[in-house]
Amino acid sequence: MEFKKQNSKLPHVRRRMLKELLHNKKIVKILEVHNGLSAIIANNIREHHQDEILEFDGFWISSFTDSAAKGYPDIGLIGLESRYETVRQILNGSNKPIIIDGDTGGEAANFEYFIRALEDMGVSMVIIEDKKFPKRNSLEGGTIQDQEEPDVFATKIKRGKEVQISDDFMIVARIESLISGLGLKDAIYRAKKYLRAGADGIMIHSKQREPKEILEFAREYEKLSKELGFRKPLVCVPTTYNTITENELLEHGFNIVIYANHLLRAAHKAMKETASIILRNKRAFEAESLCSPVKTVFKDVGFLDVKEKDMKYIKGSTKVIIPAAGSDPEFSIPKAMTVLGDKPVLQRQIEILNNCKIKDITVIRGYQKEEFTVEGAKYIDNDEYEKFYILHSLFKAEEEMEGGFIFIYSDILYNEQIIKNLLNSKGDIILVLDNSYTYHKHKIDKNLELVLTKKKPSEQTRDLYQIENEIIRIGRGINMDMADYEFTGIAYFSEYGVEIIRKIYHECKLSHKGMFHEADSFGNASFIDLIQEVIDRGFRVDILEVHKGWFEIHTKKDIEVAEKLI
């Protein structure tokens, strides 16, 4: 599921959406939201059920949850400007209609200004309750629910309707008679008064555990509608009587169902549990199962969209790091300086990178470093190349990793398209993988760096293809018959990807003892050992799938083959 943070609806467009939904849908499902993040989640959540996709139709901004989210009781302490700011956050994080809890509406004159402000922002409906100010929450036990006189409340509704500009905006009367103990007869009496005053609908409220009394009201409401000669939407809030289904409510004539406080209550419980677990264990590890990954939050609030837009401009200046400090007993000079045709391997690599508009190239040299005479790269010396392996070389260039970089083995040839596609791929850590070896693996006598992925390789025959797939295991010890891909020796790390490998490298360098994946020690670890550690720590490693287009020089015989290819 991909979340996007966007307000794609202008106020006048969004304002009319609720009326359109009431006209086109049998029942409208509304979920409580209390800030921008909850709006983003509720706006974009989808559930596939049988042959349909389920989603919420709009959102309820509750006085209770808005107050609680700001650390206050629901007794009218939150000022209008604070409430407007909550509305703006929710509008910014969603593109569906908004219903706002207007409490009592305040004094009639204040209510008029409130209506105009909500209309201007694009809110579709306000629901006001027929209680006297200062109100108390209807679900709070042991409080006196003092209702307003019906004629006074009806006048407030009438004044609100007179000042609204758009026919799309709705004022709904919330009747508290069942909660205050005045009963069904009073509730219907009030409904009649409020509808005649111009109310666009009625919300009937109850705090009983069973829905009996609201269903009785619904039956009487149908009779009232026939008496009046018109029918306005009927709204319910099944917080306490929560076993009744939407279909059952529909059968009894309800048009809007509001799940009025569930996201706030769920967040409240999760926060308390998380804080308690951290206190008990004196660390955060045990609390992780209750927490969303940071990257998921980044994605939901649009940070990754911003990163993606930035990368359109940044990736053109991506850096490349090529570790080339090691020696191979089969070669008398560094493999990067082995001549193919009339050019060293390194020069061919640099030319291809330059053709992709990449000029910032760093090479780490060690063995016979004086042989590195190719222009177009800056060189960093690793004089400990005999003592340590490739990771030590790579992190000699740690300062060059800033902002992200492409990692390339020094003994491979590749075509431009691989690099171009890598620059356009999405992910914080991406490895370029090839599955063409699977078609001739019986002929291979080399110790390949093999990969297992969550999904099996694509059967497509394209040369370059980024698919939604991730690595679950990488190493030389993987059975060739079980492996999905071979690692080509090319990888990409975003700025966040760099942060991941930096943290892991320095932690392991400081404290790791004994074997490190396939290496006998961390000092002798390979690049793919580091990648496996990244995976084991729960970070995603994406893939760019290729089918040929590259060549690795293992032996002198490979040079002969490569010269025929260039």
Protein backbone atom coordinates (compact mmCIF):
# COMPACT_ATOMS: atom_id res chain seq x y z
CA MET A 1 0.00 0.00 0.00
CA GLU A 2 1.41 3.38 -0.97
CA PHE A 3 0.43 6.43 1.00
CA LYS A 4 0.46 9.91 -0.47
CA LYS A 5 0.10 13.15 1.41
CA GLN A 6 -1.83 15.50 -0.83
CA ASN A 7 -4.73 17.92 -0.71
CA SER A 8 -5.98 17.69 -4.29
CA LYS A 9 -9.38 19.25 -3.62
CA LEU A 10 -10.14 22.97 -3.66
CA PRO A 11 -12.47 24.11 -0.84
CA HIS A 12 -15.59 24.42 -3.01
CA VAL A 13 -14.96 21.00 -4.57
CA ARG A 14 -14.39 19.25 -1.25
CA ARG A 15 -17.33 21.00 0.40
CA ARG A 16 -19.87 19.47 -2.01
CA MET A 17 -18.44 15.94 -1.85
CA LEU A 18 -20.46 14.87 1.18
CA LYS A 19 -23.79 15.74 -0.43
CA GLU A 20 -22.72 13.81 -3.52
CA LEU A 21 -21.84 10.80 -1.37
CA LEU A 22 -25.21 10.94 0.40
CA HIS A 23 -26.90 10.99 -2.99
CA ASN A 24 -24.84 8.15 -4.48
CA LYS A 25 -24.14 5.81 -1.55
CA LYS A 26 -26.45 3.82 0.66
CA ILE A 27 -24.46 4.60 3.80
CA VAL A 28 -21.52 6.97 4.32
CA LYS A 29 -18.67 5.77 6.57
CA ILE A 30 -16.86 8.47 8.56
CA LEU A 31 -13.75 7.96 10.73
CA GLU A 32 -12.39 10.21 13.47
CA VAL A 33 -9.08 11.96 12.84
CA HIS A 34 -7.35 14.41 15.16
CA ASN A 35 -4.22 15.68 13.40
CA GLY A 36 -2.40 15.60 10.06
CA LEU A 37 -0.85 12.15 10.49
CA SER A 38 -4.11 10.46 11.48
CA ALA A 39 -5.75 12.14 8.47
CA ILE A 40 -3.10 10.78 6.10
CA ILE A 41 -3.52 7.25 7.46
CA ALA A 42 -7.32 7.34 7.38
CA ASN A 43 -7.40 8.96 3.96
CA ASN A 44 -5.28 6.31 2.30
CA ILE A 45 -6.09 3.09 4.11
CA ARG A 46 -7.63 0.44 1.85
CA GLU A 47 -8.86 -3.08 2.55
CA HIS A 48 -9.55 -5.63 -0.17
CA HIS A 49 -12.61 -7.66 0.75
CA GLN A 50 -13.91 -10.23 -1.72
CA ASP A 51 -14.44 -8.26 -4.94
CA GLU A 52 -14.49 -4.76 -3.49
CA ILE A 53 -12.04 -2.25 -2.09
CA LEU A 54 -13.12 -0.83 1.26
CA GLU A 55 -12.24 2.68 2.39
CA PHE A 56 -13.63 5.48 4.54
CA ASP A 57 -15.73 8.14 2.84
CA GLY A 58 -14.75 11.09 5.01
CA PHE A 59 -13.56 12.26 8.40
CA TRP A 60 -14.92 13.45 11.74
CA ILE A 61 -13.04 16.08 13.71
CA SER A 62 -14.18 15.44 17.26
CA SER A 63 -14.08 18.01 20.03
CA PHE A 64 -13.13 15.21 22.44
CA THR A 65 -10.20 13.85 20.42
CA ASP A 66 -8.98 17.30 19.35
CA SER A 67 -8.94 18.36 23.01
CA ALA A 68 -7.33 15.13 24.21
CA ALA A 69 -4.64 15.25 21.50
CA LYS A 70 -3.71 18.69 22.84
CA GLY A 71 -3.76 17.51 26.45
CA TYR A 72 -7.03 19.09 27.58
CA PRO A 73 -10.38 17.77 28.83
CA ASP A 74 -13.41 18.11 26.57
CA ILE A 75 -15.04 21.04 28.38
CA GLY A 76 -14.76 23.78 25.76
CA LEU A 77 -11.21 24.89 26.62
CA ILE A 78 -9.86 24.70 23.06
CA GLY A 79 -10.26 28.03 21.27
CA LEU A 80 -11.51 28.46 17.72
CA GLU A 81 -8.09 29.30 16.26
CA SER A 82 -6.67 26.09 17.70
CA ARG A 83 -9.58 24.12 16.24
CA TYR A 84 -9.11 25.82 12.86
CA GLU A 85 -5.46 24.79 12.87
CA THR A 86 -6.49 21.16 13.43
CA VAL A 87 -8.93 21.46 10.52
CA ARG A 88 -6.18 22.88 8.29
CA GLN A 89 -3.82 20.01 9.15
CA ILE A 90 -6.50 17.46 8.32
CA LEU A 91 -7.45 19.19 5.08
CA ASN A 92 -3.78 19.21 4.11
CA GLY A 93 -3.40 15.49 4.82
CA SER A 94 -6.54 14.29 3.05
CA ASN A 95 -8.78 14.72 0.04
CA LYS A 96 -12.12 13.55 1.40
CA PRO A 97 -15.04 15.45 2.97
CA ILE A 98 -14.82 16.70 6.55
CA ILE A 99 -17.50 16.76 9.25
CA ILE A 100 -16.65 18.81 12.32
CA ASP A 101 -17.96 18.51 15.84
CA GLY A 102 -19.21 22.01 16.64
CA ASP A 103 -20.01 21.30 20.31
CA THR A 104 -22.98 23.53 21.22
CA GLY A 105 -22.13 26.06 18.52
CA GLY A 106 -21.62 28.72 21.20
CA GLU A 107 -23.69 31.89 21.21
CA ALA A 108 -25.80 32.35 18.08
CA ALA A 109 -23.70 35.31 16.88
CA ASN A 110 -20.47 33.34 17.35
CA PHE A 111 -22.02 30.41 15.52
CA GLU A 112 -22.62 32.58 12.45
CA TYR A 113 -18.90 33.42 12.21
CA PHE A 114 -18.02 29.77 12.83
CA ILE A 115 -20.18 28.68 9.88
CA ARG A 116 -18.53 31.14 7.49
CA ALA A 117 -15.03 30.06 8.55
CA LEU A 118 -15.81 26.36 8.06
CA GLU A 119 -17.37 27.03 4.65
CA ASP A 120 -14.30 28.97 3.52
CA MET A 121 -12.00 26.09 4.48
CA GLY A 122 -14.02 23.50 2.58
CA VAL A 123 -15.68 21.67 5.49
CA SER A 124 -18.86 19.86 4.39
CA MET A 125 -20.85 19.60 7.62
CA VAL A 126 -20.96 20.82 11.19
CA ILE A 127 -22.86 18.91 13.87
CA ILE A 128 -23.97 20.89 16.92
CA GLU A 129 -25.48 19.42 20.07
CA ASP A 130 -28.51 20.76 21.91
CA LYS A 131 -26.77 21.22 25.26
CA LYS A 132 -26.09 24.39 27.21
CA PHE A 133 -22.62 25.91 27.37
CA PRO A 134 -20.29 24.94 29.04
CA LYS A 135 -20.89 21.41 27.81
CA ARG A 136 -19.67 18.11 29.24
CA ASN A 137 -18.80 15.07 27.16
CA SER A 138 -21.88 12.94 26.57
CA LEU A 139 -20.10 9.66 27.36
CA GLU A 140 -18.69 10.89 30.67
CA GLY A 141 -20.33 9.09 33.57
CA GLY A 142 -21.87 10.95 36.52
CA THR A 143 -22.24 14.33 34.79
CA ILE A 144 -25.42 16.36 34.41
CA GLN A 145 -26.35 16.84 30.75
CA ASP A 146 -28.26 20.14 30.72
CA GLN A 147 -30.08 20.52 27.40
CA GLU A 148 -30.86 23.78 25.69
CA GLU A 149 -34.46 24.87 25.25
CA PRO A 150 -35.66 23.51 21.87
CA ASP A 151 -36.76 26.93 20.57
CA VAL A 152 -33.42 28.54 21.51
CA PHE A 153 -31.47 25.80 19.75
CA ALA A 154 -33.78 25.93 16.71
CA THR A 155 -33.12 29.67 16.43
CA LYS A 156 -29.37 29.03 16.44
CA ILE A 157 -29.79 26.56 13.56
CA LYS A 158 -31.91 29.05 11.63
CA ARG A 159 -29.33 31.83 12.04
CA GLY A 160 -26.58 29.50 10.89
CA LYS A 161 -28.51 28.56 7.76
CA GLU A 162 -29.21 32.20 6.97
CA VAL A 163 -25.52 33.18 6.90
CA GLN A 164 -24.11 30.23 4.99
CA ILE A 165 -23.25 31.01 1.38
CA SER A 166 -23.06 27.59 -0.26
CA ASP A 167 -25.96 25.18 -0.61
CA ASP A 168 -23.39 22.38 -0.24
CA PHE A 169 -22.66 23.15 3.42
CA MET A 170 -24.80 21.30 5.99
CA ILE A 171 -25.77 21.99 9.60
CA VAL A 172 -26.89 18.88 11.50
CA ALA A 173 -28.57 18.89 14.91
CA ARG A 174 -27.34 16.41 17.48
CA ILE A 175 -30.05 15.41 19.93
CA GLU A 176 -29.04 14.49 23.49
CA SER A 177 -32.47 13.54 24.86
CA LEU A 178 -31.68 9.83 25.17
CA ILE A 179 -28.51 10.56 27.16
CA SER A 180 -30.04 13.23 29.39
CA GLY A 181 -32.92 10.89 30.30
CA LEU A 182 -35.73 12.84 28.61
CA GLY A 183 -36.55 9.89 26.39
CA LEU A 184 -37.73 9.09 22.88
CA LYS A 185 -40.75 11.39 22.84
CA ASP A 186 -38.62 14.44 23.65
CA ALA A 187 -36.04 13.41 21.06
CA ILE A 188 -38.64 13.25 18.29
CA TYR A 189 -40.20 16.53 19.43
CA ARG A 190 -36.80 18.22 19.18
CA ALA A 191 -36.05 16.61 15.81
CA LYS A 192 -39.27 18.11 14.43
CA LYS A 193 -38.36 21.57 15.75
CA TYR A 194 -34.82 21.47 14.41
CA LEU A 195 -35.79 20.18 10.97
CA ARG A 196 -38.41 22.89 10.59
CA ALA A 197 -35.74 25.45 11.53
CA GLY A 198 -33.67 24.26 8.57
CA ALA A 199 -31.39 21.54 9.97
CA ASP A 200 -29.87 19.44 7.18
CA GLY A 201 -30.03 16.26 9.22
CA ILE A 202 -30.37 14.74 12.67
CA MET A 203 -27.76 12.93 14.73
CA ILE A 204 -29.22 10.81 17.51
CA HIS A 205 -26.85 10.01 20.37
CA SER A 206 -26.91 7.22 22.94
CA LYS A 207 -24.51 5.76 25.48
CA GLN A 208 -26.37 2.48 25.93
CA ARG A 209 -24.49 -0.76 25.25
CA GLU A 210 -27.31 -2.02 23.06
CA PRO A 211 -28.71 -0.14 20.04
CA LYS A 212 -32.36 -0.62 21.02
CA GLU A 213 -33.18 3.02 21.75
CA ILE A 214 -31.55 4.47 18.66
CA LEU A 215 -33.36 1.92 16.50
CA GLU A 216 -36.61 2.97 18.14
CA PHE A 217 -35.75 6.57 17.33
CA ALA A 218 -35.01 5.59 13.72
CA ARG A 219 -38.47 4.04 13.37
CA GLU A 220 -40.15 7.15 14.76
CA TYR A 221 -37.94 9.34 12.56
CA GLU A 222 -39.35 7.66 9.45
CA LYS A 223 -42.86 8.51 10.63
CA LEU A 224 -41.79 12.10 11.34
CA SER A 225 -40.28 12.43 7.87
CA LYS A 226 -43.55 11.36 6.28
CA GLU A 227 -45.43 13.85 8.44
CA LEU A 228 -43.10 16.69 7.42
CA GLY A 229 -43.12 15.69 3.76
CA PHE A 230 -39.33 15.54 3.48
CA ARG A 231 -36.52 13.38 4.83
CA LYS A 232 -33.09 14.59 5.88
CA PRO A 233 -30.07 12.33 6.60
CA LEU A 234 -29.97 10.42 9.87
CA VAL A 235 -26.60 10.12 11.63
CA CYS A 236 -25.42 7.76 14.38
CA VAL A 237 -22.24 7.24 16.43
CA PRO A 238 -21.97 3.56 17.47
CA THR A 239 -19.26 4.00 20.11
CA THR A 240 -20.94 2.16 22.99
CA TYR A 241 -23.39 0.03 20.99
CA ASN A 242 -20.53 -1.18 18.80
CA THR A 243 -21.77 -4.66 17.88
CA ILE A 244 -24.29 -3.39 15.36
CA THR A 245 -23.11 -3.51 11.74
CA GLU A 246 -23.29 -0.88 9.02
CA ASN A 247 -25.75 -3.05 7.07
CA GLU A 248 -28.06 -3.26 10.09
CA LEU A 249 -27.90 0.50 10.56
CA LEU A 250 -28.67 0.96 6.87
CA GLU A 251 -31.71 -1.30 7.16
CA HIS A 252 -33.05 0.97 9.92
CA GLY A 253 -32.61 4.13 7.86
CA PHE A 254 -29.27 5.56 8.99
CA ASN A 255 -27.36 7.44 6.29
CA ILE A 256 -24.10 8.32 8.04
CA VAL A 257 -22.19 6.25 10.58
CA ILE A 258 -19.39 8.00 12.49
CA TYR A 259 -16.60 6.06 14.22
CA ALA A 260 -16.00 8.97 16.53
CA ASN A 261 -12.84 8.45 18.61
CA HIS A 262 -11.16 5.18 17.68
CA LEU A 263 -7.87 6.40 16.19
CA LEU A 264 -7.17 8.62 19.19
CA ARG A 265 -8.01 5.84 21.63
CA ALA A 266 -5.85 3.35 19.71
CA ALA A 267 -2.90 5.76 19.70
CA HIS A 268 -3.39 6.46 23.42
CA LYS A 269 -3.22 2.76 24.30
CA ALA A 270 -0.19 2.10 22.07
CA MET A 271 1.73 5.05 23.54
CA LYS A 272 1.09 3.96 27.12
CA GLU A 273 2.12 0.37 26.37
CA THR A 274 5.26 1.46 24.53
CA ALA A 275 6.37 3.83 27.29
CA SER A 276 5.74 1.16 29.94
CA ILE A 277 7.71 -1.49 28.02
CA ILE A 278 10.71 0.82 27.62
CA LEU A 279 10.67 1.63 31.33
CA ARG A 280 10.45 -2.02 32.36
CA ASN A 281 13.19 -3.26 30.05
CA LYS A 282 15.45 -0.20 30.24
CA ARG A 283 15.84 -0.32 26.47
CA ALA A 284 13.67 0.06 23.37
CA PHE A 285 14.12 -3.35 21.71
CA GLU A 286 11.01 -4.98 23.22
CA ALA A 287 8.84 -2.04 22.16
CA GLU A 288 9.69 -2.29 18.46
CA SER A 289 6.79 -4.64 17.70
CA LEU A 290 4.39 -1.86 18.73
CA CYS A 291 6.13 0.75 16.58
CA SER A 292 5.94 1.53 12.89
CA PRO A 293 9.34 1.57 11.18
CA VAL A 294 10.69 5.11 10.84
CA LYS A 295 10.78 4.69 7.09
CA THR A 296 7.06 3.83 7.04
CA VAL A 297 6.30 7.09 8.84
CA PHE A 298 8.59 8.94 6.40
CA LYS A 299 6.65 7.39 3.54
CA ASP A 300 3.21 8.17 4.94
CA VAL A 301 3.91 11.85 5.59
CA GLY A 302 5.44 12.36 2.14
CA PHE A 303 9.12 12.60 3.06
CA LEU A 304 10.05 9.92 0.54
CA ASP A 305 8.12 11.81 -2.16
CA VAL A 306 10.24 14.85 -1.37
CA LYS A 307 13.37 12.70 -1.51
CA GLU A 308 12.30 11.31 -4.87
CA LYS A 309 11.79 14.80 -6.28
CA ASP A 310 15.12 15.90 -4.86
CA MET A 311 16.84 12.90 -6.43
CA LYS A 312 15.80 14.06 -9.91
CA TYR A 313 18.25 16.90 -9.38
CA ILE A 314 20.73 15.33 -6.96
CA LYS A 315 21.36 12.00 -8.68
CA GLY A 316 22.98 13.76 -11.63
CA SER A 317 25.82 14.63 -9.24
CA THR A 318 26.00 11.19 -7.62
CA LYS A 319 29.45 10.11 -6.51
CA VAL A 320 31.09 6.80 -7.34
CA ILE A 321 33.49 4.90 -5.09
CA ILE A 322 35.62 2.08 -6.53
CA PRO A 323 37.66 0.05 -4.01
CA ALA A 324 40.73 -1.22 -5.89
CA ALA A 325 43.38 -1.73 -3.20
CA GLY A 326 43.59 -5.53 -3.17
CA SER A 327 45.80 -7.90 -5.10
CA ASP A 328 45.10 -11.11 -7.01
CA PRO A 329 47.92 -13.69 -7.26
CA GLU A 330 46.94 -14.49 -10.84
CA PHE A 331 47.66 -10.92 -11.94
CA SER A 332 50.97 -9.09 -11.75
CA ILE A 333 49.29 -5.68 -11.57
CA PRO A 334 46.01 -4.48 -10.01
CA LYS A 335 43.08 -5.88 -12.01
CA ALA A 336 41.68 -2.37 -12.37
CA MET A 337 44.78 -1.47 -14.39
CA THR A 338 44.67 -4.58 -16.58
CA VAL A 339 44.58 -3.47 -20.20
CA LEU A 340 41.66 -4.56 -22.35
CA GLY A 341 42.27 -3.68 -25.97
CA ASP A 342 44.07 -0.39 -25.59
CA LYS A 343 42.66 0.82 -22.26
CA PRO A 344 42.84 -0.27 -18.62
CA VAL A 345 39.63 -1.56 -17.04
CA LEU A 346 39.50 1.50 -14.78
CA GLN A 347 39.67 3.89 -17.72
CA ARG A 348 36.77 2.10 -19.40
CA GLN A 349 34.78 2.34 -16.17
CA ILE A 350 35.47 6.07 -15.85
CA GLU A 351 34.52 6.77 -19.47
CA ILE A 352 31.17 5.03 -19.07
CA LEU A 353 30.48 6.95 -15.86
CA ASN A 354 31.39 10.22 -17.58
CA ASN A 355 28.96 9.38 -20.38
CA CYS A 356 26.30 9.12 -17.65
CA LYS A 357 27.31 12.63 -16.48
CA ILE A 358 29.05 11.28 -13.38
CA LYS A 359 32.35 13.06 -12.80
CA ASP A 360 32.92 12.65 -9.06
CA ILE A 361 34.78 9.33 -8.95
CA THR A 362 36.97 8.11 -6.09
CA VAL A 363 39.30 5.11 -6.36
CA ILE A 364 40.91 3.48 -3.33
CA ARG A 365 44.29 2.08 -4.28
CA GLY A 366 46.83 0.02 -2.34
CA TYR A 367 48.64 -2.81 -4.13
CA GLN A 368 51.07 -1.25 -6.65
CA LYS A 369 49.39 2.11 -6.22
CA GLU A 370 51.91 3.73 -8.54
CA GLU A 371 50.28 1.85 -11.43
CA PHE A 372 47.12 3.94 -11.08
CA THR A 373 47.74 6.62 -13.68
CA VAL A 374 44.28 6.93 -15.21
CA GLU A 375 42.92 10.48 -15.16
CA GLY A 376 39.38 11.43 -14.19
CA ALA A 377 39.40 10.06 -10.64
CA LYS A 378 40.72 11.12 -7.28
CA TYR A 379 42.76 8.54 -5.44
CA ILE A 380 42.82 7.58 -1.77
CA ASP A 381 45.57 5.31 -0.50
CA ASN A 382 44.98 2.23 1.65
CA ASP A 383 48.40 1.12 2.77
CA GLU A 384 46.88 -1.58 4.98
CA TYR A 385 45.43 -3.50 2.03
CA GLU A 386 47.30 -6.68 3.02
CA LYS A 387 46.00 -6.57 6.60
CA PHE A 388 42.34 -5.80 5.95
CA TYR A 389 39.81 -6.51 3.21
CA ILE A 390 37.45 -4.46 1.06
CA LEU A 391 35.36 -2.80 3.78
CA HIS A 392 38.45 -1.14 5.19
CA SER A 393 39.18 0.22 1.72
CA LEU A 394 35.61 1.38 1.19
CA PHE A 395 35.52 3.32 4.45
CA LYS A 396 38.81 5.03 3.63
CA ALA A 397 36.49 7.03 1.35
CA GLU A 398 33.84 7.61 4.02
CA GLU A 399 33.83 11.38 3.52
CA GLU A 400 33.03 10.81 -0.16
CA MET A 401 29.85 8.93 0.76
CA GLU A 402 28.05 12.13 1.80
CA GLY A 403 24.76 12.54 -0.06
CA GLY A 404 24.82 9.01 -1.47
CA PHE A 405 27.06 7.10 -3.86
CA ILE A 406 27.38 4.24 -6.32
CA PHE A 407 29.66 1.38 -5.30
CA ILE A 408 31.49 -0.51 -8.09
CA TYR A 409 33.94 -3.40 -7.98
CA SER A 410 37.19 -2.51 -9.71
CA ASP A 411 37.31 -5.61 -11.92
CA ILE A 412 34.04 -5.35 -13.83
CA LEU A 413 32.90 -3.92 -17.13
CA TYR A 414 29.34 -2.71 -17.61
CA ASN A 415 27.27 -0.79 -20.11
CA GLU A 416 25.89 2.72 -19.68
CA GLN A 417 22.29 1.60 -19.41
CA ILE A 418 22.92 -0.21 -16.13
CA ILE A 419 24.20 3.00 -14.54
CA LYS A 420 21.40 5.12 -16.03
CA ASN A 421 18.74 2.74 -14.79
CA LEU A 422 20.36 2.60 -11.37
CA LEU A 423 20.20 6.39 -11.15
CA ASN A 424 16.47 6.25 -11.92
CA SER A 425 15.69 3.42 -9.49
CA LYS A 426 13.92 3.86 -6.16
CA GLY A 427 15.36 2.66 -2.89
CA ASP A 428 17.89 3.55 -0.22
CA ILE A 429 20.09 0.52 -0.87
CA ILE A 430 19.93 -1.08 -4.32
CA LEU A 431 22.06 -3.94 -5.64
CA VAL A 432 22.31 -4.68 -9.35
CA LEU A 433 21.61 -8.39 -9.82
CA ASP A 434 21.74 -10.72 -12.83
CA ASN A 435 19.97 -14.05 -13.21
CA SER A 436 21.43 -15.00 -16.60
CA TYR A 437 23.94 -17.31 -14.90
CA THR A 438 21.05 -19.69 -14.15
CA TYR A 439 20.86 -20.59 -17.84
CA HIS A 440 24.48 -21.80 -18.00
CA LYS A 441 25.38 -22.51 -14.37
CA HIS A 442 26.61 -26.00 -15.23
CA LYS A 443 29.50 -24.35 -17.10
CA ILE A 444 30.54 -22.04 -14.26
CA ASP A 445 33.63 -22.92 -12.25
CA LYS A 446 33.83 -19.63 -10.32
CA ASN A 447 32.82 -18.91 -6.73
CA LEU A 448 29.98 -16.51 -7.41
CA GLU A 449 28.33 -14.03 -5.05
CA LEU A 450 24.79 -15.37 -5.14
CA VAL A 451 21.50 -13.95 -3.93
CA LEU A 452 18.14 -15.17 -2.69
CA THR A 453 15.22 -12.75 -3.03
CA LYS A 454 11.74 -12.55 -1.55
CA LYS A 455 10.20 -13.03 -5.01
CA LYS A 456 11.54 -15.28 -7.75
CA PRO A 457 13.21 -13.63 -10.79
CA SER A 458 11.04 -12.09 -13.44
CA GLU A 459 10.45 -14.15 -16.54
CA GLN A 460 10.63 -11.00 -18.63
CA THR A 461 13.44 -10.82 -21.15
CA ARG A 462 14.28 -7.16 -20.74
CA ASP A 463 17.92 -6.32 -20.24
CA LEU A 464 17.24 -3.98 -17.31
CA TYR A 465 14.27 -4.15 -15.04
CA GLN A 466 13.57 -2.78 -11.57
CA ILE A 467 10.92 -4.87 -9.87
CA GLU A 468 9.40 -4.67 -6.42
CA ASN A 469 11.70 -7.20 -4.81
CA GLU A 470 14.19 -7.34 -1.98
CA ILE A 471 17.17 -9.44 -0.99
CA ILE A 472 16.80 -11.89 1.88
CA ARG A 473 20.23 -13.54 1.67
CA ILE A 474 23.52 -12.91 -0.13
CA GLY A 475 26.75 -14.91 -0.04
CA ARG A 476 29.17 -17.24 -1.78
CA GLY A 477 27.90 -20.22 0.21
CA ILE A 478 24.42 -20.23 -1.32
CA ASN A 479 23.64 -23.35 -3.34
CA MET A 480 23.75 -22.43 -7.02
CA ASP A 481 20.62 -24.45 -7.73
CA MET A 482 18.68 -22.50 -5.09
CA ALA A 483 19.99 -19.00 -5.85
CA ASP A 484 17.88 -16.46 -7.73
CA TYR A 485 20.55 -14.02 -8.88
CA GLU A 486 24.25 -13.20 -9.04
CA PHE A 487 25.52 -9.89 -7.62
CA THR A 488 27.19 -7.85 -10.36
CA GLY A 489 29.40 -5.78 -8.09
CA ILE A 490 27.38 -2.57 -8.56
CA ALA A 491 25.26 -1.00 -5.81
CA TYR A 492 23.64 2.30 -4.92
CA PHE A 493 23.32 3.94 -1.49
CA SER A 494 21.12 6.98 -0.87
CA GLU A 495 21.95 9.43 1.89
CA TYR A 496 19.84 7.33 4.25
CA GLY A 497 21.48 4.17 2.90
CA VAL A 498 24.87 5.66 3.74
CA GLU A 499 23.64 6.39 7.27
CA ILE A 500 22.66 2.72 7.64
CA ILE A 501 25.97 1.21 6.50
CA ARG A 502 28.02 3.77 8.41
CA LYS A 503 26.28 2.95 11.67
CA ILE A 504 26.60 -0.80 11.15
CA TYR A 505 30.23 -0.64 10.01
CA HIS A 506 31.41 1.41 12.98
CA GLU A 507 29.41 -0.63 15.50
CA CYS A 508 30.85 -3.89 14.17
CA LYS A 509 34.37 -2.50 13.87
CA LEU A 510 34.23 -1.46 17.51
CA SER A 511 32.66 -4.51 19.11
CA HIS A 512 32.23 -7.50 16.79
CA LYS A 513 34.23 -10.59 17.71
CA GLY A 514 34.60 -13.87 15.82
CA MET A 515 33.14 -14.80 12.46
CA PHE A 516 31.20 -12.21 10.52
CA HIS A 517 28.79 -14.03 8.22
CA GLU A 518 31.08 -15.83 5.72
CA ALA A 519 34.28 -14.12 6.90
CA ASP A 520 36.50 -15.40 9.72
CA SER A 521 36.55 -11.89 11.22
CA PHE A 522 35.07 -8.48 10.63
CA GLY A 523 38.43 -7.19 9.41
CA ASN A 524 38.35 -9.76 6.61
CA ALA A 525 34.67 -9.21 5.78
CA SER A 526 33.55 -8.71 2.22
CA PHE A 527 31.11 -6.15 0.86
CA ILE A 528 28.38 -8.79 0.69
CA ASP A 529 28.99 -9.70 4.35
CA LEU A 530 28.14 -6.10 5.21
CA ILE A 531 25.00 -6.26 3.05
CA GLN A 532 23.88 -9.44 4.83
CA GLU A 533 24.31 -7.67 8.16
CA VAL A 534 22.17 -4.80 6.87
CA ILE A 535 19.45 -7.30 5.92
CA ASP A 536 19.69 -9.14 9.24
CA ARG A 537 19.09 -5.87 11.07
CA GLY A 538 15.79 -5.44 9.28
CA PHE A 539 16.68 -2.90 6.60
CA ARG A 540 15.36 -3.35 3.10
CA VAL A 541 17.82 -3.96 0.26
CA ASP A 542 16.16 -3.48 -3.13
CA ILE A 543 17.28 -4.87 -6.46
CA LEU A 544 17.77 -3.72 -10.04
CA GLU A 545 17.45 -6.79 -12.21
CA VAL A 546 19.65 -7.03 -15.31
CA HIS A 547 20.10 -9.72 -17.91
CA LYS A 548 23.72 -9.53 -19.07
CA GLY A 549 25.28 -6.16 -19.99
CA TRP A 550 28.24 -6.60 -17.63
CA PHE A 551 31.35 -8.75 -17.26
CA GLU A 552 33.61 -9.59 -14.30
CA ILE A 553 37.28 -10.41 -14.68
CA HIS A 554 38.09 -13.41 -12.49
CA THR A 555 41.01 -14.89 -14.45
CA LYS A 556 43.38 -14.11 -17.30
CA LYS A 557 41.14 -16.19 -19.53
CA ASP A 558 38.38 -13.68 -18.81
CA ILE A 559 40.55 -10.97 -20.35
CA GLU A 560 40.54 -12.83 -23.65
CA VAL A 561 36.76 -13.14 -23.52
CA ALA A 562 36.34 -9.48 -22.54
CA GLU A 563 38.50 -8.26 -25.40
CA LYS A 564 36.18 -10.01 -27.84
CA LEU A 565 33.19 -8.25 -26.27
CA ILE A 566 34.51 -4.67 -26.35
